[in-house]
Amino acid sequence: MIAECSFPSEMESLAAASGHLTPSLLMRELERLGRPEVPVYIHHMKPLYVEAIARELSGLDHRIEMLHQGRTYSLVRKERNRGT
């Protein structure tokens, strides 16, 4: 899953008002999703807050990885075992 996380959690009111996520709002959404096996890739971090967002995300969930501008990524879908 690719999700945005634009502001640190201390700016939750601004993030919610502008339709963006913070690390704490992201975690709430991931809990609602109920799919802990799904990796989460984060983009759209506001440059001024990248370090604060990274600090918060690093302690929240092992499956979260921040994407970085200028890098090329290859996402490969893992085949699920369907019992056959």
Foldseek 3Di string as FASTA:
>chain_A
DEFEAAAAPVCQVVQVVVVHHHVVRVVVVVVVVVDLVDAYEYDNYHVVCPVVRCVVVVPPHPRYHYDDPPDDDDDDDDDDDPPD
